[in-house]
Amino acid sequence: MLCIHKTRTTLNHPQSNGLVERTNRTVMTILRAFIERHRSVRWDELMPQCLLAYRVAVHSSTAYTPSLLTLEHELRLPIKVLTPLAPAECIGSPHYVKDLAHKIAAQHQ
């Protein structure tokens, strides 16, 4: 129905999955940049910010953000939380379901 293809990899062996390896490399690059910028060695405190940066960045291979592909909506950044939603952005359930179906179809073409 949704044309989702399951990939199988060995448990606890990310080297067998190229996508996981690429994602790990990208997150490590972002983490290094955050550590250099904040002059911090506490990488564990910076990880949530790094993951947020990764999840809201548009990827060149898909032209979408990871949050849109996994959660079906864009994440609201902290600065956007302070501003109220426009009335056009608040839609009812039937419209949301139809819109979601169209978005899923468009993203997976």
Protein backbone atom coordinates (compact mmCIF):
# COMPACT_ATOMS: atom_id res chain seq x y z
CA MET A 1 0.00 0.00 0.00
CA LEU A 2 2.69 2.52 0.95
CA CYS A 3 5.42 0.83 -1.15
CA ILE A 4 7.79 0.59 1.82
CA HIS A 5 10.66 -1.83 1.34
CA LYS A 6 12.17 -3.39 4.47
CA THR A 7 15.92 -3.68 4.63
CA ARG A 8 17.56 -6.36 6.70
CA THR A 9 20.87 -5.93 8.47
CA THR A 10 22.75 -7.80 11.14
CA LEU A 11 21.88 -6.81 14.70
CA ASN A 12 24.59 -4.74 16.45
CA HIS A 13 26.63 -4.59 13.24
CA PRO A 14 26.03 -1.16 11.66
CA GLN A 15 28.91 -1.69 9.23
CA SER A 16 26.61 -3.89 7.18
CA ASN A 17 24.20 -0.99 6.60
CA GLY A 18 25.64 1.83 4.50
CA LEU A 19 22.80 4.21 5.38
CA VAL A 20 23.50 3.86 9.10
CA GLU A 21 27.21 4.41 8.51
CA ARG A 22 26.54 7.57 6.48
CA THR A 23 24.13 8.93 9.11
CA ASN A 24 26.62 8.25 11.90
CA ARG A 25 29.38 10.03 9.95
CA THR A 26 27.13 13.05 9.36
CA VAL A 27 26.10 13.28 13.03
CA MET A 28 29.76 13.02 14.10
CA THR A 29 30.68 15.88 11.73
CA ILE A 30 27.90 18.05 13.17
CA LEU A 31 28.97 17.14 16.72
CA ARG A 32 32.60 18.10 16.02
CA ALA A 33 31.46 21.48 14.69
CA PHE A 34 29.32 22.07 17.80
CA ILE A 35 32.19 21.10 20.11
CA GLU A 36 34.58 23.49 18.33
CA ARG A 37 32.04 26.33 18.33
CA HIS A 38 31.11 25.98 22.00
CA ARG A 39 34.62 25.08 23.16
CA SER A 40 33.22 22.19 25.10
CA VAL A 41 34.35 18.65 25.75
CA ARG A 42 30.93 17.64 27.10
CA TRP A 43 29.67 16.17 23.84
CA ASP A 44 26.76 14.48 25.62
CA GLU A 45 25.29 17.90 26.50
CA LEU A 46 25.53 19.06 22.88
CA MET A 47 24.04 15.92 21.31
CA PRO A 48 20.35 17.02 21.51
CA GLN A 49 21.20 20.23 19.64
CA CYS A 50 23.18 18.28 17.04
CA LEU A 51 20.32 15.87 16.45
CA LEU A 52 17.87 18.76 16.11
CA ALA A 53 20.16 20.37 13.52
CA TYR A 54 20.32 17.06 11.62
CA ARG A 55 16.56 16.49 11.76
CA VAL A 56 15.60 19.95 10.43
CA ALA A 57 18.21 20.13 7.65
CA VAL A 58 17.01 19.47 4.11
CA HIS A 59 18.95 16.51 2.68
CA SER A 60 20.17 16.77 -0.88
CA SER A 61 19.36 13.14 -1.69
CA THR A 62 15.67 13.38 -0.74
CA ALA A 63 15.00 17.16 -0.87
CA TYR A 64 13.17 16.71 2.47
CA THR A 65 14.08 16.88 6.14
CA PRO A 66 14.34 13.65 8.14
CA SER A 67 11.62 14.92 10.47
CA LEU A 68 9.20 15.36 7.58
CA LEU A 69 9.88 11.86 6.28
CA THR A 70 9.59 10.13 9.65
CA LEU A 71 7.05 12.27 11.52
CA GLU A 72 5.10 13.59 8.51
CA HIS A 73 5.52 17.19 9.67
CA GLU A 74 8.32 19.69 10.09
CA LEU A 75 9.69 20.24 13.56
CA ARG A 76 8.98 23.62 15.10
CA LEU A 77 12.25 25.22 16.14
CA PRO A 78 12.40 26.96 19.53
CA ILE A 79 12.14 30.41 17.93
CA LYS A 80 8.99 29.37 16.05
CA VAL A 81 7.35 28.10 19.25
CA LEU A 82 7.33 31.68 20.52
CA THR A 83 5.29 32.84 17.53
CA PRO A 84 1.67 31.68 17.25
CA LEU A 85 0.48 29.58 14.32
CA ALA A 86 -1.37 31.35 11.55
CA PRO A 87 -5.06 30.35 11.21
CA ALA A 88 -4.28 28.73 7.84
CA GLU A 89 -1.83 26.36 9.58
CA CYS A 90 -4.53 25.04 11.95
CA ILE A 91 -6.55 22.52 9.96
CA GLY A 92 -9.20 19.98 10.95
CA SER A 93 -8.80 16.20 11.08
CA PRO A 94 -10.43 15.29 7.70
CA HIS A 95 -8.28 17.85 5.89
CA TYR A 96 -5.20 16.65 7.75
CA VAL A 97 -5.76 13.03 6.71
CA LYS A 98 -6.24 13.93 3.04
CA ASP A 99 -3.24 16.25 3.10
CA LEU A 100 -1.13 13.58 4.81
CA ALA A 101 -2.02 10.99 2.15
CA HIS A 102 -1.00 13.41 -0.63
CA LYS A 103 2.28 14.26 1.13
CA ILE A 104 3.18 10.60 1.64
CA ALA A 105 2.49 9.86 -2.01
CA ALA A 106 4.60 12.83 -3.15
CA GLN A 107 7.53 12.00 -0.86
CA HIS A 108 7.79 8.38 -1.94
CA GLN A 109 7.64 8.82 -5.70
